[in-house]
């Protein structure tokens, strides 16, 4: 938003358009008011810029030729073998980096990091170990997100994990790494595939908004790819909202969850207990008692007290 204000301040139309393109791919819903009663509020090149970004009305080939050069076209590598595609991603990755004093890129993905990324994409196992300081947040995660946003056939065949094609990616990171993880994903994933509709959310509670959907919405020929970068605690809390669950559950086979540091997931009973305990609710006391009996039984690895449920009218 500050960059948008700055573009207006220096009266730079090109900068204004580029920032609008990036904002559209985040958790911000853009609207504009062209006129208020008889008063025209937006006109001239500024109105043209907004209409162009929102893709309303006539096409503007002149603008297209200018701005498509600012975006990496990953879709042109749809048929590339996975390892070759990873090499392309890593080459593009260096262009986001600053130069050091000796003229080299600040961060260049290593061969070991490339192999680890390939193992995450292709591996049948659910857990992959990597030591602290190996670039999981700054290198591996943004490259994985770029892979997801691409149309590379081999990569998405593996990411489907033997099931349906995935169009929603949920990245879970520890609470203290959330700001850095969001920064890295925004830095590396907002300027891909010119004019492709996708979203990168930094808050899973955006699903509470009526205009945020999973899968293909009305009028869309295919589902829009979406990435959520959140903490485990936020994800856990989101699953206690019925409105979010109504969107997530029917679409769950198309959702891929990647967890960075999985300590919280290794204790399943703790997960169940915390979700039950955090449930914001207006349940009757008898129903609430059953809720806690269930979570307590799961936490202590005991059978659920079936006699309580059989006698319950709920």
C-alpha atoms as a PDB file:
ATOM      1  CA  UNK A   1       0.000   0.000   0.000  1.00  0.00           C
ATOM      2  CA  UNK A   2       2.891   2.365   0.764  1.00  0.00           C
ATOM      3  CA  UNK A   3       4.384   1.599  -2.659  1.00  0.00           C
ATOM      4  CA  UNK A   4       1.036   2.397  -4.269  1.00  0.00           C
ATOM      5  CA  UNK A   5       0.949   5.755  -2.482  1.00  0.00           C
ATOM      6  CA  UNK A   6       4.530   6.417  -3.555  1.00  0.00           C
ATOM      7  CA  UNK A   7       3.721   5.629  -7.201  1.00  0.00           C
ATOM      8  CA  UNK A   8       0.932   8.222  -7.060  1.00  0.00           C
ATOM      9  CA  UNK A   9       3.207  10.725  -5.336  1.00  0.00           C
ATOM     10  CA  UNK A  10       5.902  10.513  -8.027  1.00  0.00           C
ATOM     11  CA  UNK A  11       3.199  10.176 -10.731  1.00  0.00           C
ATOM     12  CA  UNK A  12       4.705   7.004 -12.217  1.00  0.00           C
ATOM     13  CA  UNK A  13       2.008   5.083 -14.102  1.00  0.00           C
ATOM     14  CA  UNK A  14       4.217   2.053 -14.819  1.00  0.00           C
ATOM     15  CA  UNK A  15       5.173   1.644 -11.164  1.00  0.00           C
ATOM     16  CA  UNK A  16       1.513   2.089 -10.184  1.00  0.00           C
ATOM     17  CA  UNK A  17       0.412  -0.716 -12.538  1.00  0.00           C
ATOM     18  CA  UNK A  18       3.153  -3.106 -11.404  1.00  0.00           C
ATOM     19  CA  UNK A  19       2.261  -2.639  -7.723  1.00  0.00           C
ATOM     20  CA  UNK A  20      -1.425  -3.200  -8.509  1.00  0.00           C
ATOM     21  CA  UNK A  21      -0.564  -6.457 -10.288  1.00  0.00           C
ATOM     22  CA  UNK A  22       1.287  -7.676  -7.180  1.00  0.00           C
ATOM     23  CA  UNK A  23      -1.428  -6.536  -4.755  1.00  0.00           C
ATOM     24  CA  UNK A  24      -4.081  -8.465  -6.695  1.00  0.00           C
ATOM     25  CA  UNK A  25      -2.205 -11.683  -5.944  1.00  0.00           C
ATOM     26  CA  UNK A  26      -2.207 -11.145  -2.169  1.00  0.00           C
ATOM     27  CA  UNK A  27      -4.878 -11.128   0.545  1.00  0.00           C
ATOM     28  CA  UNK A  28      -6.160  -7.737  -0.661  1.00  0.00           C
ATOM     29  CA  UNK A  29      -9.441  -7.428  -2.552  1.00  0.00           C
ATOM     30  CA  UNK A  30      -9.223  -4.438  -4.913  1.00  0.00           C
ATOM     31  CA  UNK A  31     -12.209  -2.311  -5.830  1.00  0.00           C
ATOM     32  CA  UNK A  32     -12.437   1.227  -7.137  1.00  0.00           C
ATOM     33  CA  UNK A  33     -15.153   3.877  -7.332  1.00  0.00           C
ATOM     34  CA  UNK A  34     -15.092   5.641 -10.690  1.00  0.00           C
ATOM     35  CA  UNK A  35     -17.718   8.243  -9.877  1.00  0.00           C
ATOM     36  CA  UNK A  36     -19.833   9.387  -6.959  1.00  0.00           C
ATOM     37  CA  UNK A  37     -23.190  10.629  -8.228  1.00  0.00           C
ATOM     38  CA  UNK A  38     -22.184  13.204 -10.866  1.00  0.00           C
ATOM     39  CA  UNK A  39     -18.635  13.682  -9.662  1.00  0.00           C
ATOM     40  CA  UNK A  40     -15.914  11.742 -11.560  1.00  0.00           C
ATOM     41  CA  UNK A  41     -13.332  10.534  -9.039  1.00  0.00           C
ATOM     42  CA  UNK A  42     -10.914   8.675 -11.341  1.00  0.00           C
ATOM     43  CA  UNK A  43     -10.153   9.554 -14.936  1.00  0.00           C
ATOM     44  CA  UNK A  44      -7.390   9.747 -17.507  1.00  0.00           C
ATOM     45  CA  UNK A  45      -4.338   7.443 -17.403  1.00  0.00           C
ATOM     46  CA  UNK A  46      -4.966   6.427 -13.769  1.00  0.00           C
ATOM     47  CA  UNK A  47      -8.373   5.021 -14.663  1.00  0.00           C
ATOM     48  CA  UNK A  48      -6.863   3.277 -17.694  1.00  0.00           C
ATOM     49  CA  UNK A  49      -4.192   1.752 -15.454  1.00  0.00           C
ATOM     50  CA  UNK A  50      -6.751   0.364 -12.983  1.00  0.00           C
ATOM     51  CA  UNK A  51      -9.018  -0.990 -15.729  1.00  0.00           C
ATOM     52  CA  UNK A  52      -5.994  -2.592 -17.406  1.00  0.00           C
ATOM     53  CA  UNK A  53      -4.870  -4.396 -14.243  1.00  0.00           C
ATOM     54  CA  UNK A  54      -8.408  -5.591 -13.477  1.00  0.00           C
ATOM     55  CA  UNK A  55      -8.593  -6.848 -17.100  1.00  0.00           C
ATOM     56  CA  UNK A  56     -11.828  -4.994 -17.825  1.00  0.00           C
ATOM     57  CA  UNK A  57     -12.805  -3.768 -21.264  1.00  0.00           C
ATOM     58  CA  UNK A  58     -10.523  -3.544 -24.271  1.00  0.00           C
ATOM     59  CA  UNK A  59      -7.117  -5.196 -24.364  1.00  0.00           C
ATOM     60  CA  UNK A  60      -3.991  -3.060 -24.356  1.00  0.00           C
ATOM     61  CA  UNK A  61      -1.256  -4.836 -26.361  1.00  0.00           C
ATOM     62  CA  UNK A  62       1.146  -1.922 -25.811  1.00  0.00           C
ATOM     63  CA  UNK A  63       0.953  -2.303 -22.028  1.00  0.00           C
ATOM     64  CA  UNK A  64       1.149  -6.092 -22.372  1.00  0.00           C
ATOM     65  CA  UNK A  65       4.460  -5.889 -24.236  1.00  0.00           C
ATOM     66  CA  UNK A  66       5.877  -3.682 -21.484  1.00  0.00           C
ATOM     67  CA  UNK A  67       4.716  -5.539 -18.380  1.00  0.00           C
ATOM     68  CA  UNK A  68       4.985  -9.181 -19.410  1.00  0.00           C
ATOM     69  CA  UNK A  69       8.767  -8.684 -19.370  1.00  0.00           C
ATOM     70  CA  UNK A  70       8.532  -8.077 -15.596  1.00  0.00           C
ATOM     71  CA  UNK A  71       7.191 -11.593 -14.972  1.00  0.00           C
ATOM     72  CA  UNK A  72       8.904 -14.993 -15.118  1.00  0.00           C
ATOM     73  CA  UNK A  73       6.970 -17.280 -17.460  1.00  0.00           C
ATOM     74  CA  UNK A  74       7.179 -20.689 -15.789  1.00  0.00           C
ATOM     75  CA  UNK A  75       4.419 -22.147 -17.945  1.00  0.00           C
ATOM     76  CA  UNK A  76       6.718 -22.301 -20.957  1.00  0.00           C
ATOM     77  CA  UNK A  77       8.547 -25.144 -19.176  1.00  0.00           C
ATOM     78  CA  UNK A  78       5.462 -27.363 -18.766  1.00  0.00           C
ATOM     79  CA  UNK A  79       7.033 -30.304 -20.607  1.00  0.00           C
ATOM     80  CA  UNK A  80      10.538 -29.979 -19.171  1.00  0.00           C
ATOM     81  CA  UNK A  81      11.823 -32.963 -17.108  1.00  0.00           C
ATOM     82  CA  UNK A  82      11.635 -32.229 -13.399  1.00  0.00           C
ATOM     83  CA  UNK A  83      15.379 -31.982 -12.802  1.00  0.00           C
ATOM     84  CA  UNK A  84      15.813 -29.614 -15.728  1.00  0.00           C
ATOM     85  CA  UNK A  85      12.876 -27.557 -14.457  1.00  0.00           C
ATOM     86  CA  UNK A  86      14.466 -27.287 -11.002  1.00  0.00           C
ATOM     87  CA  UNK A  87      17.657 -25.983 -12.654  1.00  0.00           C
ATOM     88  CA  UNK A  88      15.583 -23.295 -14.433  1.00  0.00           C
ATOM     89  CA  UNK A  89      13.910 -22.316 -11.148  1.00  0.00           C
ATOM     90  CA  UNK A  90      17.269 -22.027  -9.402  1.00  0.00           C
ATOM     91  CA  UNK A  91      18.681 -19.877 -12.204  1.00  0.00           C
ATOM     92  CA  UNK A  92      15.685 -17.535 -11.939  1.00  0.00           C
ATOM     93  CA  UNK A  93      16.024 -17.595  -8.152  1.00  0.00           C
ATOM     94  CA  UNK A  94      19.429 -15.898  -8.276  1.00  0.00           C
ATOM     95  CA  UNK A  95      17.920 -12.882 -10.051  1.00  0.00           C
ATOM     96  CA  UNK A  96      15.942 -12.021  -6.944  1.00  0.00           C
ATOM     97  CA  UNK A  97      19.175 -11.709  -4.945  1.00  0.00           C
ATOM     98  CA  UNK A  98      21.449  -8.777  -4.288  1.00  0.00           C
ATOM     99  CA  UNK A  99      25.078  -8.762  -5.332  1.00  0.00           C
ATOM    100  CA  UNK A 100      27.881  -9.198  -2.814  1.00  0.00           C
ATOM    101  CA  UNK A 101      30.996  -6.995  -2.808  1.00  0.00           C
ATOM    102  CA  UNK A 102      32.787  -9.353  -5.193  1.00  0.00           C
ATOM    103  CA  UNK A 103      29.951  -9.138  -7.745  1.00  0.00           C
ATOM    104  CA  UNK A 104      28.389 -12.540  -7.022  1.00  0.00           C
ATOM    105  CA  UNK A 105      24.764 -13.263  -6.204  1.00  0.00           C
ATOM    106  CA  UNK A 106      24.088 -13.240  -2.459  1.00  0.00           C
ATOM    107  CA  UNK A 107      22.261 -16.595  -2.496  1.00  0.00           C
ATOM    108  CA  UNK A 108      22.833 -19.285  -5.120  1.00  0.00           C
ATOM    109  CA  UNK A 109      20.996 -22.627  -4.611  1.00  0.00           C
ATOM    110  CA  UNK A 110      23.494 -25.426  -4.059  1.00  0.00           C
ATOM    111  CA  UNK A 111      23.424 -28.878  -5.603  1.00  0.00           C
ATOM    112  CA  UNK A 112      22.472 -30.312  -2.212  1.00  0.00           C
ATOM    113  CA  UNK A 113      19.487 -27.956  -1.974  1.00  0.00           C
ATOM    114  CA  UNK A 114      18.383 -28.919  -5.493  1.00  0.00           C
ATOM    115  CA  UNK A 115      18.511 -32.597  -4.554  1.00  0.00           C
ATOM    116  CA  UNK A 116      16.549 -31.980  -1.359  1.00  0.00           C
ATOM    117  CA  UNK A 117      13.857 -30.064  -3.278  1.00  0.00           C
ATOM    118  CA  UNK A 118      13.598 -32.898  -5.794  1.00  0.00           C
ATOM    119  CA  UNK A 119      13.301 -35.426  -2.950  1.00  0.00           C
ATOM    120  CA  UNK A 120      10.464 -33.443  -1.343  1.00  0.00           C
ATOM    121  CA  UNK A 121       8.570 -33.304  -4.643  1.00  0.00           C
ATOM    122  CA  UNK A 122       9.121 -36.927  -5.666  1.00  0.00           C
ATOM    123  CA  UNK A 123       9.490 -38.765  -2.364  1.00  0.00           C
ATOM    124  CA  UNK A 124       6.777 -41.208  -1.331  1.00  0.00           C
ATOM    125  CA  UNK A 125       7.597 -40.761   2.364  1.00  0.00           C
ATOM    126  CA  UNK A 126       5.853 -38.015   4.339  1.00  0.00           C
ATOM    127  CA  UNK A 127       8.806 -36.758   6.388  1.00  0.00           C
ATOM    128  CA  UNK A 128      12.164 -35.425   5.179  1.00  0.00           C
ATOM    129  CA  UNK A 129      14.981 -34.453   7.517  1.00  0.00           C
ATOM    130  CA  UNK A 130      17.191 -31.440   6.905  1.00  0.00           C
ATOM    131  CA  UNK A 131      19.599 -29.860   9.359  1.00  0.00           C
ATOM    132  CA  UNK A 132      19.165 -26.347  10.746  1.00  0.00           C
ATOM    133  CA  UNK A 133      20.667 -23.672   8.508  1.00  0.00           C
ATOM    134  CA  UNK A 134      20.302 -25.537   5.197  1.00  0.00           C
ATOM    135  CA  UNK A 135      18.054 -22.880   3.649  1.00  0.00           C
ATOM    136  CA  UNK A 136      14.623 -24.470   4.118  1.00  0.00           C
ATOM    137  CA  UNK A 137      12.834 -21.144   4.609  1.00  0.00           C
ATOM    138  CA  UNK A 138      14.920 -18.886   2.354  1.00  0.00           C
ATOM    139  CA  UNK A 139      15.567 -21.272  -0.562  1.00  0.00           C
ATOM    140  CA  UNK A 140      13.642 -24.566  -0.502  1.00  0.00           C
ATOM    141  CA  UNK A 141      10.218 -23.167   0.450  1.00  0.00           C
ATOM    142  CA  UNK A 142      10.005 -20.390  -2.201  1.00  0.00           C
ATOM    143  CA  UNK A 143      11.281 -22.800  -4.874  1.00  0.00           C
ATOM    144  CA  UNK A 144       8.627 -25.318  -3.840  1.00  0.00           C
ATOM    145  CA  UNK A 145       5.944 -22.624  -4.073  1.00  0.00           C
ATOM    146  CA  UNK A 146       7.163 -21.640  -7.537  1.00  0.00           C
ATOM    147  CA  UNK A 147       7.001 -25.294  -8.578  1.00  0.00           C
ATOM    148  CA  UNK A 148       3.416 -25.456  -7.351  1.00  0.00           C
ATOM    149  CA  UNK A 149       2.447 -22.299  -9.271  1.00  0.00           C
ATOM    150  CA  UNK A 150       3.984 -23.644 -12.464  1.00  0.00           C
ATOM    151  CA  UNK A 151       2.296 -25.963 -14.948  1.00  0.00           C
ATOM    152  CA  UNK A 152       5.180 -28.438 -15.111  1.00  0.00           C
ATOM    153  CA  UNK A 153       3.518 -31.771 -15.850  1.00  0.00           C
ATOM    154  CA  UNK A 154       6.000 -34.054 -14.091  1.00  0.00           C
ATOM    155  CA  UNK A 155       6.136 -31.891 -10.939  1.00  0.00           C
ATOM    156  CA  UNK A 156       2.346 -31.837 -10.555  1.00  0.00           C
ATOM    157  CA  UNK A 157       2.117 -35.568 -11.191  1.00  0.00           C
ATOM    158  CA  UNK A 158       4.305 -36.084  -8.119  1.00  0.00           C
ATOM    159  CA  UNK A 159       2.599 -33.352  -6.066  1.00  0.00           C
ATOM    160  CA  UNK A 160      -0.744 -35.106  -6.606  1.00  0.00           C
ATOM    161  CA  UNK A 161       0.640 -37.875  -4.356  1.00  0.00           C
ATOM    162  CA  UNK A 162      -1.306 -40.536  -6.225  1.00  0.00           C
ATOM    163  CA  UNK A 163      -4.576 -38.650  -5.844  1.00  0.00           C
ATOM    164  CA  UNK A 164      -6.293 -35.714  -7.484  1.00  0.00           C
ATOM    165  CA  UNK A 165      -4.459 -32.665  -8.861  1.00  0.00           C
ATOM    166  CA  UNK A 166      -3.623 -30.138  -6.170  1.00  0.00           C
ATOM    167  CA  UNK A 167      -4.644 -26.503  -6.590  1.00  0.00           C
ATOM    168  CA  UNK A 168      -4.267 -25.326  -2.975  1.00  0.00           C
ATOM    169  CA  UNK A 169      -0.985 -25.339  -1.065  1.00  0.00           C
ATOM    170  CA  UNK A 170      -0.850 -24.772   2.696  1.00  0.00           C
ATOM    171  CA  UNK A 171       2.609 -23.976   4.094  1.00  0.00           C
ATOM    172  CA  UNK A 172       2.854 -24.429   7.862  1.00  0.00           C
ATOM    173  CA  UNK A 173       5.843 -22.950   9.681  1.00  0.00           C
ATOM    174  CA  UNK A 174       6.662 -22.374  13.367  1.00  0.00           C
ATOM    175  CA  UNK A 175       5.235 -19.181  14.856  1.00  0.00           C
ATOM    176  CA  UNK A 176       8.602 -17.400  15.020  1.00  0.00           C
ATOM    177  CA  UNK A 177       9.319 -18.105  11.325  1.00  0.00           C
ATOM    178  CA  UNK A 178       5.988 -16.876   9.935  1.00  0.00           C
ATOM    179  CA  UNK A 179       7.109 -13.279   9.112  1.00  0.00           C
ATOM    180  CA  UNK A 180      10.238 -14.494   7.298  1.00  0.00           C
ATOM    181  CA  UNK A 181       8.346 -17.249   5.466  1.00  0.00           C
ATOM    182  CA  UNK A 182       5.698 -14.808   4.258  1.00  0.00           C
ATOM    183  CA  UNK A 183       8.387 -12.369   3.160  1.00  0.00           C
ATOM    184  CA  UNK A 184      10.172 -15.046   1.127  1.00  0.00           C
ATOM    185  CA  UNK A 185       7.004 -16.284  -0.601  1.00  0.00           C
ATOM    186  CA  UNK A 186       5.845 -12.753  -1.450  1.00  0.00           C
ATOM    187  CA  UNK A 187       9.328 -11.891  -2.689  1.00  0.00           C
ATOM    188  CA  UNK A 188       9.628 -14.874  -5.035  1.00  0.00           C
ATOM    189  CA  UNK A 189       6.056 -15.693  -6.056  1.00  0.00           C
ATOM    190  CA  UNK A 190       4.199 -12.503  -7.018  1.00  0.00           C
ATOM    191  CA  UNK A 191       5.861 -11.936 -10.401  1.00  0.00           C
ATOM    192  CA  UNK A 192       5.244 -15.286 -12.088  1.00  0.00           C
ATOM    193  CA  UNK A 193       3.205 -16.109 -15.197  1.00  0.00           C
ATOM    194  CA  UNK A 194       1.877 -12.792 -16.488  1.00  0.00           C
ATOM    195  CA  UNK A 195      -1.929 -12.511 -16.294  1.00  0.00           C
ATOM    196  CA  UNK A 196      -2.368 -15.900 -14.603  1.00  0.00           C
ATOM    197  CA  UNK A 197      -4.922 -15.777 -11.820  1.00  0.00           C
ATOM    198  CA  UNK A 198      -3.510 -17.104  -8.534  1.00  0.00           C
ATOM    199  CA  UNK A 199      -3.397 -15.912  -4.937  1.00  0.00           C
ATOM    200  CA  UNK A 200      -0.864 -15.952  -2.107  1.00  0.00           C
ATOM    201  CA  UNK A 201      -2.520 -15.488   1.289  1.00  0.00           C
ATOM    202  CA  UNK A 202      -0.746 -14.678   4.547  1.00  0.00           C
ATOM    203  CA  UNK A 203      -3.868 -15.430   6.595  1.00  0.00           C
ATOM    204  CA  UNK A 204      -6.005 -18.558   6.318  1.00  0.00           C
ATOM    205  CA  UNK A 205      -8.915 -16.657   7.851  1.00  0.00           C
ATOM    206  CA  UNK A 206      -9.315 -15.036   4.439  1.00  0.00           C
ATOM    207  CA  UNK A 207     -11.499 -18.129   3.850  1.00  0.00           C
ATOM    208  CA  UNK A 208     -14.130 -16.455   6.027  1.00  0.00           C
ATOM    209  CA  UNK A 209     -14.591 -13.858   3.261  1.00  0.00           C
ATOM    210  CA  UNK A 210     -17.497 -14.727   0.937  1.00  0.00           C
ATOM    211  CA  UNK A 211     -15.403 -13.988  -2.178  1.00  0.00           C
ATOM    212  CA  UNK A 212     -12.574 -16.358  -1.231  1.00  0.00           C
ATOM    213  CA  UNK A 213     -13.233 -19.881  -2.503  1.00  0.00           C
ATOM    214  CA  UNK A 214     -11.334 -23.128  -2.886  1.00  0.00           C
ATOM    215  CA  UNK A 215     -11.495 -24.718  -6.298  1.00  0.00           C
ATOM    216  CA  UNK A 216     -13.251 -23.308  -9.345  1.00  0.00           C
ATOM    217  CA  UNK A 217     -15.703 -20.535  -8.577  1.00  0.00           C
ATOM    218  CA  UNK A 218     -18.778 -19.755 -10.658  1.00  0.00           C
ATOM    219  CA  UNK A 219     -17.747 -18.794 -14.174  1.00  0.00           C
ATOM    220  CA  UNK A 220     -14.175 -20.100 -13.871  1.00  0.00           C
ATOM    221  CA  UNK A 221     -13.116 -22.787 -16.331  1.00  0.00           C
ATOM    222  CA  UNK A 222     -10.488 -24.216 -13.981  1.00  0.00           C
ATOM    223  CA  UNK A 223      -9.607 -23.726 -10.302  1.00  0.00           C
ATOM    224  CA  UNK A 224      -7.380 -20.845  -9.303  1.00  0.00           C
ATOM    225  CA  UNK A 225      -4.151 -21.886  -7.580  1.00  0.00           C
ATOM    226  CA  UNK A 226      -3.820 -20.585  -4.039  1.00  0.00           C
ATOM    227  CA  UNK A 227      -1.080 -20.631  -1.405  1.00  0.00           C
ATOM    228  CA  UNK A 228      -1.569 -20.066   2.328  1.00  0.00           C
ATOM    229  CA  UNK A 229       1.515 -19.299   4.460  1.00  0.00           C
ATOM    230  CA  UNK A 230       0.530 -19.640   8.100  1.00  0.00           C
ATOM    231  CA  UNK A 231       1.550 -21.034  11.472  1.00  0.00           C
ATOM    232  CA  UNK A 232       0.485 -24.368  12.918  1.00  0.00           C
ATOM    233  CA  UNK A 233      -1.514 -22.601  15.641  1.00  0.00           C
ATOM    234  CA  UNK A 234      -3.403 -20.494  13.116  1.00  0.00           C
ATOM    235  CA  UNK A 235      -4.175 -23.560  11.015  1.00  0.00           C
ATOM    236  CA  UNK A 236      -5.374 -25.421  14.076  1.00  0.00           C
ATOM    237  CA  UNK A 237      -7.626 -22.552  15.108  1.00  0.00           C
ATOM    238  CA  UNK A 238      -9.020 -22.154  11.570  1.00  0.00           C
ATOM    239  CA  UNK A 239     -10.241 -25.775  11.633  1.00  0.00           C
ATOM    240  CA  UNK A 240     -12.563 -24.866  14.506  1.00  0.00           C
ATOM    241  CA  UNK A 241     -14.566 -22.478  12.297  1.00  0.00           C
ATOM    242  CA  UNK A 242     -17.533 -24.159  10.644  1.00  0.00           C
ATOM    243  CA  UNK A 243     -17.520 -21.649   7.777  1.00  0.00           C
ATOM    244  CA  UNK A 244     -13.917 -22.544   6.914  1.00  0.00           C
ATOM    245  CA  UNK A 245     -14.505 -26.285   7.294  1.00  0.00           C
ATOM    246  CA  UNK A 246     -17.466 -26.077   4.899  1.00  0.00           C
ATOM    247  CA  UNK A 247     -15.039 -24.810   2.241  1.00  0.00           C
ATOM    248  CA  UNK A 248     -12.094 -27.046   3.140  1.00  0.00           C
ATOM    249  CA  UNK A 249     -13.746 -30.439   3.623  1.00  0.00           C
ATOM    250  CA  UNK A 250     -15.325 -30.883   0.130  1.00  0.00           C
ATOM    251  CA  UNK A 251     -12.061 -29.717  -1.458  1.00  0.00           C
ATOM    252  CA  UNK A 252      -9.612 -31.560   0.821  1.00  0.00           C
ATOM    253  CA  UNK A 253      -8.369 -33.994  -1.856  1.00  0.00           C
ATOM    254  CA  UNK A 254      -7.056 -31.028  -3.855  1.00  0.00           C
ATOM    255  CA  UNK A 255      -5.135 -29.525  -0.903  1.00  0.00           C
ATOM    256  CA  UNK A 256      -1.443 -30.201  -0.283  1.00  0.00           C
ATOM    257  CA  UNK A 257      -0.087 -29.409   3.196  1.00  0.00           C
ATOM    258  CA  UNK A 258       3.644 -28.835   3.667  1.00  0.00           C
ATOM    259  CA  UNK A 259       4.861 -28.522   7.257  1.00  0.00           C
ATOM    260  CA  UNK A 260       8.243 -26.993   8.112  1.00  0.00           C
ATOM    261  CA  UNK A 261       9.322 -28.460  11.495  1.00  0.00           C
ATOM    262  CA  UNK A 262       6.670 -31.012  12.313  1.00  0.00           C
ATOM    263  CA  UNK A 263       7.070 -31.412  16.076  1.00  0.00           C
ATOM    264  CA  UNK A 264       3.461 -30.394  16.696  1.00  0.00           C
ATOM    265  CA  UNK A 265       2.181 -32.981  14.211  1.00  0.00           C
ATOM    266  CA  UNK A 266       4.043 -35.927  15.653  1.00  0.00           C
ATOM    267  CA  UNK A 267       1.719 -35.976  18.666  1.00  0.00           C
ATOM    268  CA  UNK A 268      -1.667 -36.614  17.076  1.00  0.00           C
ATOM    269  CA  UNK A 269      -3.482 -36.735  20.402  1.00  0.00           C
ATOM    270  CA  UNK A 270      -2.204 -33.290  21.352  1.00  0.00           C
ATOM    271  CA  UNK A 271      -3.529 -31.968  18.036  1.00  0.00           C
ATOM    272  CA  UNK A 272      -7.013 -33.409  18.637  1.00  0.00           C
ATOM    273  CA  UNK A 273      -7.089 -32.141  22.235  1.00  0.00           C
ATOM    274  CA  UNK A 274      -6.060 -28.603  21.253  1.00  0.00           C
ATOM    275  CA  UNK A 275      -8.605 -28.338  18.431  1.00  0.00           C
ATOM    276  CA  UNK A 276     -11.384 -29.439  20.767  1.00  0.00           C
ATOM    277  CA  UNK A 277     -10.230 -27.073  23.510  1.00  0.00           C
ATOM    278  CA  UNK A 278     -10.012 -24.053  21.190  1.00  0.00           C
ATOM    279  CA  UNK A 279     -13.441 -24.518  19.650  1.00  0.00           C
ATOM    280  CA  UNK A 280     -15.365 -21.250  19.840  1.00  0.00           C
ATOM    281  CA  UNK A 281     -18.898 -22.485  20.370  1.00  0.00           C
ATOM    282  CA  UNK A 282     -22.397 -22.006  21.703  1.00  0.00           C
ATOM    283  CA  UNK A 283     -22.897 -25.680  22.494  1.00  0.00           C
ATOM    284  CA  UNK A 284     -25.245 -26.847  25.200  1.00  0.00           C
ATOM    285  CA  UNK A 285     -23.402 -28.031  28.354  1.00  0.00           C
ATOM    286  CA  UNK A 286     -24.262 -31.692  27.647  1.00  0.00           C
ATOM    287  CA  UNK A 287     -22.826 -31.483  24.119  1.00  0.00           C
ATOM    288  CA  UNK A 288     -19.764 -29.632  25.384  1.00  0.00           C
ATOM    289  CA  UNK A 289     -19.170 -32.377  27.933  1.00  0.00           C
ATOM    290  CA  UNK A 290     -19.126 -34.985  25.137  1.00  0.00           C
ATOM    291  CA  UNK A 291     -16.688 -32.788  23.209  1.00  0.00           C
ATOM    292  CA  UNK A 292     -14.201 -32.808  26.047  1.00  0.00           C
ATOM    293  CA  UNK A 293     -14.728 -36.499  26.786  1.00  0.00           C
ATOM    294  CA  UNK A 294     -13.750 -37.221  23.170  1.00  0.00           C
ATOM    295  CA  UNK A 295     -10.638 -35.029  23.287  1.00  0.00           C
ATOM    296  CA  UNK A 296      -9.633 -36.431  26.666  1.00  0.00           C
ATOM    297  CA  UNK A 297      -9.971 -40.012  25.424  1.00  0.00           C
ATOM    298  CA  UNK A 298      -7.848 -39.228  22.356  1.00  0.00           C
ATOM    299  CA  UNK A 299      -5.233 -37.464  24.459  1.00  0.00           C
ATOM    300  CA  UNK A 300      -4.855 -40.417  26.825  1.00  0.00           C
ATOM    301  CA  UNK A 301      -5.085 -43.003  24.006  1.00  0.00           C
ATOM    302  CA  UNK A 302      -8.253 -44.535  25.462  1.00  0.00           C
ATOM    303  CA  UNK A 303     -11.449 -45.769  23.866  1.00  0.00           C
ATOM    304  CA  UNK A 304     -14.217 -43.194  23.552  1.00  0.00           C
ATOM    305  CA  UNK A 305     -16.947 -43.645  26.204  1.00  0.00           C
ATOM    306  CA  UNK A 306     -19.571 -45.079  23.865  1.00  0.00           C
ATOM    307  CA  UNK A 307     -22.284 -45.267  26.518  1.00  0.00           C
ATOM    308  CA  UNK A 308     -22.242 -41.472  26.780  1.00  0.00           C
ATOM    309  CA  UNK A 309     -22.762 -41.043  23.052  1.00  0.00           C
ATOM    310  CA  UNK A 310     -25.475 -43.672  22.827  1.00  0.00           C
ATOM    311  CA  UNK A 311     -27.496 -41.859  25.506  1.00  0.00           C
ATOM    312  CA  UNK A 312     -26.997 -38.431  23.907  1.00  0.00           C
ATOM    313  CA  UNK A 313     -29.812 -36.911  21.781  1.00  0.00           C
ATOM    314  CA  UNK A 314     -27.150 -35.119  19.659  1.00  0.00           C
END
